[in-house]
Structure formats: structure tokens, C-alpha cells
Amino acid sequence: MIAAAMLFELDDDTELLRRTVRDFAEREVAPVAAELDRDKRFPYELVAKMGELGWMGIPFPERVGGAGGTTLQYAIAVEELTRVDSSVAITMCAHTSLGTQPIYLFGSADQQERLLPELTSGRRLGAFGLTEPEAGSDAGNTRTRAVLRDGEWVIDGAKQFITNAGTRISGVVAITAVTGEAEISNLIVENGTPGYEQGEPYRKMGWNASDTRPLTFTECRVPEENLLGPRGAGFRQFLQILDIGRIGVAAMGVGLAQGAFDEALAYARQRQAFGRPISKFQAIQAKLADIATEVEAARLLTCKAAALKDAGRNFSLCAAQAKLKSGRLAVRATEEAVQIHGGYGYIEEYPVCRMYRDAKILTIGEGTDEVQQMVIARALGA
């Protein structure tokens, strides 16, 4: 009930944020989205503006430089950005949920004082290094190792599919590493540390304007105090981070599905066939009706997960359900939007083509659909 109330009657601050982000997305992001995607160019100017507006630190308290907002406000901002462009949205989403949250939740007072102001302001981007060639869904199979020698952690290993680590404003990456027998810990590695290298960006199906690349660590030395929280707590920490991240990715799924629906409806209203708009044909109406209904359901589930987190209640199950639902919906909604556009949907000049390419990763990143099903089943006691 708490989520339903928030969904249909947002408080004034949240509604103002929603309108402001939507206006920014339509005026600032939409005109350059296709160009950024085509050129595979990171949106530095847009990220700087979002930082100035306080959106790179929405759910963090003002005492650490954040905007003092809620998880629900953050999810709504992510949705409104994704409605127009996924690359810009994932840059903010990964920075907030994955890059900054570990330091805020588990960092020492010194780590927070030194790193959070730059991160929450968006002057520096944060990243999270979990995935490896042999450790993605099976995160316990981490092969990156860190050995404590003379007051320093010596790190050797590799990470892959890491977002936000290789831009000129990237600041830190929190990585998982084996630090002992059956022991995984998280360590902070700052950009510019000797032995830490960022590989070339991947050539991707979608999210072309976001930064995604492999990382390598070769006798990379960081101070002992760069340990994030207690030694051996890494597994528990990154599970908590992934739960939070799933709210953001779920919001992306809702936003992408909404954006695809908006494009499809507008096109169906103006496209003429057999002497009338195709929106008047029952087959098209059925597609639009189904997607509109599913978007509302996914939005409610995502808002519920955010509201549960804001209320300090267990949100793991709901976040997994929201992520599973919205990711699948984004794939279906963008496919239907392309179908409604017909041949034009296959042409890059139309946003639905980019949206279609951007959608699939939402069923993979932050835990595949299969992993979400495992999480959900476990929570249900199955």
C-alpha cells in the first residue's frame, strides 16, 4: 500500500524532480542521443550538467555531499532519463548504485571524507569491479587475488564488463578479490594507481555512449587501509550492492519500455494505411494496450522495491522481481515498437532502433533473468 500511494500521489519534491529530469532529458539529451550512440562518444557534457543539478548523488545524505533524496526519487530520475536515452541513464545508475554505494555503506570515515564528495557531486565517477571471465553469475568463483605485504594489498587479476572505469573523470573502482582461504574482500583502487590498467572499450550491441571495458591488475599496490569494511565481508557486501543496483536497473527497464511505447503510439497515430491511422486497427491497438498495462505494472513493482528500501524493510525479493519483470518488458516493448514502425523501425534515424539494441542487456546485467529467478525462488522458500 505504501508504494501505491507514492506512485499515484508523489510528494511535491518528488514530482518536481520528475518533471525537471523529464524536461532535461527532452531538451538536453534527446537532441544528441542518436549522435552519441553513432559516434560511441561518452556524454561528458551531460554528466557534468547532471552533477551540477545534484543528480549524481540523489539518494545520499547532504552530509556526504549528496542531494539528500530518497531511493524512490532516484528510481524516478533513472526512469525519466532512460525514457530518452539508456547510455546516459546507465552512466548515472552504475555510478550511483554500484560505484558510490559501497563507499557510503561500508567505507571508513576517512574513506568517505576523502572520496564521497567528489563522487556524489559527479566530479568523479565510481565503478564496481565484480564480473570476471569465470565469475559473473557465479560471483563466488572470483579469481582476482590480493595479498597483504608490508602494509599494502598487492592485487593481481582481471575484471570485465565494467562501467564508468575508463573515462577521464573516473575516480575509483571497488573490486572484489580473494584475500585468504575462502575469503573475499572488497578493495578500493583509485585511477592512476600503478599496475591498474583499463582496457579498450568494448564494441557493444547497445549502450554505445556509456563506458564499458575490461580492467587488469598486475602487482597493483594499494594501502592496507583501502580495504572496504571488514576483511572477508566482500561477499555479503556485494550481494547488498546488487540488491540496490537492481532497483536502478528495474527503473531503466520501465523507462525504456515507456519510451518505446511513447514512440510507437506517436507513430501509430500519424502513420496512414488503407486510408486511416494504423492506431485505429485492432492489431495495433492490442499491442499498445498490452504494453501500456505492463509498463504500469512494472513501474508499481519498481516503486514498491524503492519504497521498501526507503522504509528500512527487506527489499531483496521485490527488487529481483522488479528487475526480472522490467527487463523482460523492455525487450518486448522495444520489439513491438519496432514492429509497429514497420520498415522504419529498422532504420537508425528512428529512436526505436536504438532502443531495441539497448534493451537486451537489461535481462543480463545486474544478474541474469535466470539468477533473478533463483533469488526469487529462494526468497519464497522453494
Protein backbone atom coordinates (compact mmCIF):
# COMPACT_ATOMS: atom_id res chain seq x y z
CA MET A 1 0.00 0.00 0.00
CA ILE A 2 2.85 2.42 0.75
CA ALA A 3 4.21 2.04 -2.80
CA ALA A 4 0.81 2.53 -4.38
CA ALA A 5 0.32 5.79 -2.51
CA MET A 6 3.73 7.03 -3.61
CA LEU A 7 3.09 6.05 -7.20
CA PHE A 8 -0.19 7.84 -7.68
CA GLU A 9 0.37 10.86 -5.46
CA LEU A 10 4.01 11.86 -5.38
CA ASP A 11 5.01 14.49 -2.86
CA ASP A 12 5.84 17.93 -4.21
CA ASP A 13 9.61 17.46 -4.14
CA THR A 14 9.46 14.14 -5.96
CA GLU A 15 7.04 15.41 -8.58
CA LEU A 16 9.22 18.47 -9.17
CA LEU A 17 12.26 16.22 -9.63
CA ARG A 18 10.36 14.03 -12.09
CA ARG A 19 9.29 17.00 -14.18
CA THR A 20 12.75 18.57 -14.05
CA VAL A 21 14.52 15.37 -15.15
CA ARG A 22 11.98 14.82 -17.93
CA ASP A 23 12.47 18.36 -19.19
CA PHE A 24 16.25 17.94 -19.10
CA ALA A 25 16.04 14.61 -20.93
CA GLU A 26 13.84 16.03 -23.67
CA ARG A 27 15.72 19.32 -24.11
CA GLU A 28 19.33 18.30 -23.46
CA VAL A 29 19.61 14.54 -24.04
CA ALA A 30 17.17 13.73 -26.84
CA PRO A 31 18.73 16.06 -29.46
CA VAL A 32 22.18 14.42 -29.11
CA ALA A 33 21.28 10.83 -28.18
CA ALA A 34 21.49 9.43 -31.71
CA GLU A 35 24.78 11.20 -32.38
CA LEU A 36 26.34 9.99 -29.14
CA ASP A 37 25.25 6.43 -29.96
CA ARG A 38 26.53 6.61 -33.52
CA ASP A 39 29.90 8.08 -32.53
CA LYS A 40 30.18 5.90 -29.40
CA ARG A 41 31.04 9.10 -27.54
CA PHE A 42 30.84 9.40 -23.77
CA PRO A 43 28.43 12.20 -22.72
CA TYR A 44 30.84 14.28 -20.64
CA GLU A 45 28.85 17.49 -21.01
CA LEU A 46 25.59 15.87 -19.93
CA VAL A 47 27.21 14.15 -16.95
CA ALA A 48 28.69 17.48 -15.84
CA LYS A 49 25.28 19.14 -16.01
CA MET A 50 23.65 16.30 -14.09
CA GLY A 51 26.34 16.66 -11.44
CA GLU A 52 25.67 20.38 -11.14
CA LEU A 53 21.97 19.61 -10.70
CA GLY A 54 22.76 17.16 -7.89
CA TRP A 55 21.54 14.09 -9.74
CA MET A 56 24.76 12.10 -9.46
CA GLY A 57 24.19 11.78 -5.72
CA ILE A 58 20.41 11.77 -5.32
CA PRO A 59 19.99 9.08 -2.61
CA PHE A 60 22.95 10.14 -0.45
CA PRO A 61 22.67 12.48 2.55
CA GLU A 62 23.81 16.07 2.34
CA ARG A 63 26.49 15.48 4.98
CA VAL A 64 28.48 13.48 2.39
CA GLY A 65 27.74 15.86 -0.46
CA GLY A 66 24.61 14.13 -1.74
CA ALA A 67 21.23 15.60 -2.58
CA GLY A 68 19.51 14.10 0.47
CA GLY A 69 16.90 12.38 -1.67
CA THR A 70 15.16 9.03 -1.50
CA THR A 71 15.61 5.78 -3.37
CA LEU A 72 12.21 6.39 -4.94
CA GLN A 73 13.34 9.79 -6.23
CA TYR A 74 16.48 8.19 -7.61
CA ALA A 75 14.47 5.47 -9.39
CA ILE A 76 12.14 8.05 -10.91
CA ALA A 77 15.10 10.09 -12.18
CA VAL A 78 16.63 6.97 -13.74
CA GLU A 79 13.32 6.11 -15.40
CA GLU A 80 12.92 9.57 -16.91
CA LEU A 81 16.44 9.57 -18.32
CA THR A 82 16.10 6.06 -19.77
CA ARG A 83 12.85 7.05 -21.42
CA VAL A 84 15.04 9.13 -23.76
CA ASP A 85 18.49 7.50 -23.67
CA SER A 86 19.86 4.42 -21.92
CA SER A 87 23.55 5.32 -22.17
CA VAL A 88 23.16 8.50 -20.16
CA ALA A 89 20.92 6.70 -17.67
CA ILE A 90 23.29 3.77 -17.08
CA THR A 91 26.16 6.18 -16.52
CA MET A 92 24.27 7.76 -13.62
CA CYS A 93 22.79 4.45 -12.49
CA ALA A 94 26.05 2.48 -12.31
CA HIS A 95 27.86 5.41 -10.71
CA THR A 96 25.23 5.76 -8.00
CA SER A 97 24.20 2.17 -7.24
CA LEU A 98 27.48 0.39 -7.86
CA GLY A 99 30.28 2.94 -7.71
CA THR A 100 29.29 5.18 -4.81
CA GLN A 101 27.11 2.94 -2.62
CA PRO A 102 29.95 0.61 -1.50
CA ILE A 103 31.95 3.52 -0.11
CA TYR A 104 28.91 5.11 1.50
CA LEU A 105 27.69 1.86 3.08
CA PHE A 106 30.96 0.18 4.04
CA GLY A 107 33.68 2.82 3.85
CA SER A 108 35.57 4.13 6.86
CA ALA A 109 35.15 7.72 7.98
CA ASP A 110 38.43 8.59 6.25
CA GLN A 111 37.42 6.86 3.01
CA GLN A 112 34.08 8.63 2.98
CA GLU A 113 35.55 12.03 3.77
CA ARG A 114 38.21 11.65 1.09
CA LEU A 115 36.15 10.10 -1.73
CA LEU A 116 32.43 10.74 -1.36
CA PRO A 117 32.30 14.49 -2.06
CA GLU A 118 33.90 14.01 -5.47
CA LEU A 119 31.58 11.08 -6.24
CA THR A 120 28.28 12.45 -5.01
CA SER A 121 28.91 15.69 -6.90
CA GLY A 122 29.63 13.83 -10.13
CA ARG A 123 33.05 15.42 -10.47
CA ARG A 124 34.44 11.89 -10.39
CA LEU A 125 32.75 8.65 -11.45
CA GLY A 126 32.71 5.49 -9.38
CA ALA A 127 32.77 1.92 -10.68
CA PHE A 128 32.31 -1.56 -9.23
CA GLY A 129 34.50 -4.45 -10.35
CA LEU A 130 32.78 -7.77 -9.72
CA THR A 131 32.49 -9.64 -13.03
CA GLU A 132 35.42 -11.73 -14.28
CA PRO A 133 35.88 -14.22 -17.13
CA GLU A 134 34.96 -17.04 -14.73
CA ALA A 135 32.91 -15.09 -12.20
CA GLY A 136 29.71 -13.37 -13.20
CA SER A 137 26.56 -15.09 -12.02
CA ASP A 138 28.93 -17.36 -10.06
CA ALA A 139 30.44 -14.44 -8.16
CA GLY A 140 31.95 -16.75 -5.57
CA ASN A 141 34.33 -18.01 -8.24
CA THR A 142 36.39 -14.79 -8.12
CA ARG A 143 39.97 -15.29 -9.29
CA THR A 144 41.41 -11.83 -8.66
CA ARG A 145 43.71 -12.07 -5.63
CA ALA A 146 45.05 -9.57 -3.13
CA VAL A 147 47.94 -10.39 -0.79
CA LEU A 148 48.82 -8.18 2.18
CA ARG A 149 52.54 -7.34 2.16
CA ASP A 150 54.27 -4.69 4.22
CA GLY A 151 51.14 -2.64 4.77
CA GLU A 152 49.94 -2.86 1.16
CA TRP A 153 47.50 -5.03 -0.75
CA VAL A 154 49.14 -6.45 -3.87
CA ILE A 155 46.41 -7.16 -6.41
CA ASP A 156 46.62 -9.44 -9.45
CA GLY A 157 43.70 -10.32 -11.68
CA ALA A 158 41.21 -9.08 -14.24
CA LYS A 159 37.66 -7.77 -14.39
CA GLN A 160 35.36 -7.45 -17.39
CA PHE A 161 32.22 -5.58 -18.48
CA ILE A 162 32.95 -2.75 -16.02
CA THR A 163 31.02 0.51 -16.41
CA ASN A 164 32.47 4.01 -15.80
CA ALA A 165 36.05 2.93 -15.01
CA GLY A 166 37.85 4.31 -18.06
CA THR A 167 36.66 7.87 -18.63
CA ARG A 168 38.77 10.95 -17.99
CA ILE A 169 36.60 11.71 -14.94
CA SER A 170 36.70 8.19 -13.48
CA GLY A 171 37.89 8.23 -9.88
CA VAL A 172 37.72 4.87 -8.14
CA VAL A 173 36.68 1.29 -8.59
CA ALA A 174 35.70 -1.00 -5.73
CA ILE A 175 36.75 -4.53 -6.64
CA THR A 176 36.21 -7.99 -5.22
CA ALA A 177 39.34 -10.02 -4.53
CA VAL A 178 40.27 -13.23 -2.78
CA THR A 179 42.23 -12.17 0.31
CA GLY A 180 42.52 -15.54 2.04
CA GLU A 181 41.28 -19.10 2.12
CA ALA A 182 37.58 -19.00 1.12
CA GLU A 183 37.70 -15.26 1.85
CA ILE A 184 36.54 -12.48 -0.47
CA SER A 185 37.03 -8.82 0.38
CA ASN A 186 36.38 -5.52 -1.35
CA LEU A 187 39.19 -3.08 -2.06
CA ILE A 188 39.23 0.49 -3.31
CA VAL A 189 41.54 1.17 -6.24
CA GLU A 190 41.93 4.73 -7.45
CA ASN A 191 42.54 5.62 -11.08
CA GLY A 192 46.21 6.27 -11.75
CA THR A 193 47.41 3.58 -9.34
CA PRO A 194 50.45 1.79 -10.88
CA GLY A 195 49.55 -1.70 -12.05
CA TYR A 196 45.90 -0.82 -12.63
CA GLU A 197 45.07 -0.62 -16.33
CA GLN A 198 41.81 0.00 -18.17
CA GLY A 199 41.48 -1.86 -21.47
CA GLU A 200 39.96 -0.57 -24.69
CA PRO A 201 36.18 -0.04 -24.68
CA TYR A 202 34.09 -2.97 -25.87
CA ARG A 203 32.23 -2.85 -29.17
CA LYS A 204 28.69 -3.40 -27.96
CA MET A 205 25.20 -4.03 -29.29
CA GLY A 206 23.82 -1.11 -27.31
CA TRP A 207 24.64 1.43 -24.61
CA ASN A 208 27.19 2.72 -27.09
CA ALA A 209 27.69 6.08 -25.38
CA SER A 210 28.43 4.53 -21.99
CA ASP A 211 31.90 3.45 -20.89
CA THR A 212 32.30 -0.33 -20.63
CA ARG A 213 35.70 -2.03 -20.68
CA PRO A 214 37.93 -4.70 -19.09
CA LEU A 215 40.30 -3.96 -16.22
CA THR A 216 43.60 -5.61 -15.32
CA PHE A 217 45.62 -5.56 -12.12
CA THR A 218 49.28 -6.53 -12.25
CA GLU A 219 51.07 -6.25 -8.92
CA CYS A 220 48.82 -3.31 -8.27
CA ARG A 221 49.61 -1.97 -4.81
CA VAL A 222 47.11 -0.08 -2.67
CA PRO A 223 47.42 0.89 1.02
CA GLU A 224 46.13 -1.57 3.60
CA GLU A 225 43.51 0.99 4.62
CA ASN A 226 41.91 0.70 1.16
CA LEU A 227 40.13 -2.41 2.43
CA LEU A 228 36.41 -1.68 2.28
CA GLY A 229 34.83 -2.72 5.57
CA PRO A 230 35.99 -5.83 7.46
CA ARG A 231 38.26 -8.32 5.79
CA GLY A 232 36.26 -11.25 4.39
CA ALA A 233 33.00 -9.30 4.19
CA GLY A 234 33.12 -8.85 0.44
CA PHE A 235 30.57 -11.49 -0.49
CA ARG A 236 27.93 -10.11 1.86
CA GLN A 237 28.73 -6.56 0.75
CA PHE A 238 28.36 -7.12 -2.97
CA LEU A 239 25.11 -9.04 -2.53
CA GLN A 240 23.73 -5.98 -0.75
CA ILE A 241 25.05 -3.70 -3.50
CA LEU A 242 23.46 -5.86 -6.21
CA ASP A 243 20.09 -5.66 -4.44
CA ILE A 244 20.31 -1.86 -4.55
CA GLY A 245 21.54 -1.93 -8.14
CA ARG A 246 18.54 -3.98 -9.22
CA ILE A 247 16.22 -1.13 -8.28
CA GLY A 248 18.10 1.17 -10.63
CA VAL A 249 18.16 -1.35 -13.47
CA ALA A 250 14.47 -2.07 -12.94
CA ALA A 251 13.80 1.65 -13.28
CA MET A 252 15.78 1.60 -16.51
CA GLY A 253 13.57 -1.19 -17.83
CA VAL A 254 10.44 0.79 -17.00
CA GLY A 255 11.84 3.92 -18.61
CA LEU A 256 12.95 2.17 -21.77
CA ALA A 257 9.59 0.42 -22.16
CA GLN A 258 7.79 3.73 -21.59
CA GLY A 259 9.98 5.49 -24.14
CA ALA A 260 9.38 2.77 -26.73
CA PHE A 261 5.64 2.92 -26.08
CA ASP A 262 5.61 6.71 -26.47
CA GLU A 263 7.40 6.46 -29.82
CA ALA A 264 5.13 3.65 -31.03
CA LEU A 265 1.93 5.45 -30.05
CA ALA A 266 3.01 8.70 -31.71
CA TYR A 267 3.98 6.86 -34.89
CA ALA A 268 0.78 4.80 -34.98
CA ARG A 269 -1.31 7.94 -34.71
CA GLN A 270 0.33 9.63 -37.70
CA ARG A 271 1.11 6.63 -39.96
CA GLN A 272 -1.64 6.14 -42.52
CA ALA A 273 -2.59 2.80 -44.08
CA PHE A 274 -5.73 1.91 -46.00
CA GLY A 275 -6.96 5.45 -45.53
CA ARG A 276 -6.70 5.79 -41.76
CA PRO A 277 -4.09 5.91 -38.97
CA ILE A 278 -2.77 2.48 -38.09
CA SER A 279 -3.65 3.21 -34.43
CA LYS A 280 -7.26 2.55 -35.47
CA PHE A 281 -6.51 -1.06 -36.36
CA GLN A 282 -7.30 -3.62 -33.68
CA ALA A 283 -3.99 -5.47 -34.07
CA ILE A 284 -2.02 -2.29 -33.30
CA GLN A 285 -4.38 -1.30 -30.51
CA ALA A 286 -3.86 -4.67 -28.83
CA LYS A 287 -0.07 -4.22 -28.86
CA LEU A 288 -0.31 -0.72 -27.42
CA ALA A 289 -2.83 -1.73 -24.77
CA ASP A 290 -0.72 -4.66 -23.59
CA ILE A 291 2.50 -2.64 -23.35
CA ALA A 292 0.81 0.29 -21.57
CA THR A 293 -0.63 -2.10 -18.99
CA GLU A 294 2.65 -3.93 -18.46
CA VAL A 295 4.54 -0.65 -18.02
CA GLU A 296 2.22 0.39 -15.21
CA ALA A 297 2.66 -2.98 -13.50
CA ALA A 298 6.46 -2.85 -13.78
CA ARG A 299 6.53 0.73 -12.53
CA LEU A 300 4.47 -0.18 -9.47
CA LEU A 301 6.76 -3.10 -8.66
CA THR A 302 9.85 -0.93 -9.02
CA CYS A 303 8.37 1.82 -6.84
CA LYS A 304 7.47 -0.77 -4.23
CA ALA A 305 11.07 -2.01 -4.10
CA ALA A 306 12.34 1.56 -3.73
CA ALA A 307 9.74 2.35 -1.06
CA LEU A 308 10.64 -0.76 0.92
CA LYS A 309 14.30 0.25 0.91
CA ASP A 310 13.45 3.79 1.98
CA ALA A 311 11.34 2.36 4.82
CA GLY A 312 14.28 0.24 6.01
CA ARG A 313 12.49 -3.01 5.20
CA ASN A 314 13.75 -6.08 3.34
CA PHE A 315 13.54 -5.31 -0.38
CA SER A 316 15.65 -8.10 -1.91
CA LEU A 317 12.72 -10.15 -3.22
CA CYS A 318 10.86 -7.17 -4.62
CA ALA A 319 13.99 -5.76 -6.27
CA ALA A 320 14.64 -9.08 -8.00
CA GLN A 321 11.02 -9.30 -9.12
CA ALA A 322 11.08 -5.72 -10.43
CA LYS A 323 14.32 -6.29 -12.30
CA LEU A 324 13.07 -9.54 -13.85
CA LYS A 325 9.74 -8.02 -14.86
CA SER A 326 11.03 -4.74 -16.26
CA GLY A 327 13.97 -6.21 -18.17
CA ARG A 328 11.76 -8.67 -20.00
CA LEU A 329 9.22 -5.93 -20.62
CA ALA A 330 11.85 -3.62 -22.12
CA VAL A 331 12.79 -6.31 -24.64
CA ARG A 332 9.17 -6.95 -25.56
CA ALA A 333 8.14 -3.29 -25.66
CA THR A 334 11.03 -2.24 -27.89
CA GLU A 335 10.41 -5.18 -30.22
CA GLU A 336 6.74 -4.27 -30.53
CA ALA A 337 7.66 -0.62 -31.10
CA VAL A 338 9.93 -1.65 -33.97
CA GLN A 339 7.16 -3.86 -35.35
CA ILE A 340 4.66 -1.02 -35.24
CA HIS A 341 7.13 1.20 -37.09
CA GLY A 342 7.50 -1.44 -39.79
CA GLY A 343 10.50 -0.92 -42.05
CA TYR A 344 11.22 2.44 -40.46
CA GLY A 345 11.81 0.68 -37.14
CA TYR A 346 14.87 -0.92 -38.68
CA ILE A 347 16.36 2.44 -39.62
CA GLU A 348 18.76 4.15 -37.22
CA GLU A 349 17.14 7.56 -37.70
CA TYR A 350 14.23 6.33 -35.61
CA PRO A 351 14.82 6.13 -31.83
CA VAL A 352 13.12 2.72 -31.53
CA CYS A 353 16.01 1.14 -33.42
CA ARG A 354 18.48 2.31 -30.77
CA MET A 355 16.04 1.41 -28.01
CA TYR A 356 15.73 -2.13 -29.36
CA ARG A 357 19.51 -2.56 -29.26
CA ASP A 358 19.72 -1.11 -25.77
CA ALA A 359 17.04 -3.36 -24.29
CA LYS A 360 18.62 -6.82 -24.24
CA ILE A 361 21.32 -6.05 -21.69
CA LEU A 362 18.59 -5.40 -19.11
CA THR A 363 17.92 -9.16 -18.98
CA ILE A 364 21.63 -9.83 -18.39
CA GLY A 365 23.28 -7.08 -16.33
CA GLU A 366 22.89 -6.88 -12.54
CA GLY A 367 22.15 -10.60 -12.54
CA THR A 368 20.65 -12.50 -15.44
CA ASP A 369 16.98 -13.41 -15.58
CA GLU A 370 17.95 -16.91 -14.50
CA VAL A 371 19.75 -15.54 -11.44
CA GLN A 372 16.72 -13.38 -10.58
CA GLN A 373 14.53 -16.47 -10.73
CA MET A 374 16.90 -18.25 -8.36
CA VAL A 375 16.85 -15.29 -5.96
CA ILE A 376 13.06 -15.09 -6.09
CA ALA A 377 12.56 -18.84 -5.62
CA ARG A 378 14.95 -18.87 -2.67
CA ALA A 379 13.13 -15.97 -1.04
CA LEU A 380 9.84 -17.79 -1.50
CA GLY A 381 11.22 -20.86 0.25
CA ALA A 382 11.02 -23.01 -2.86
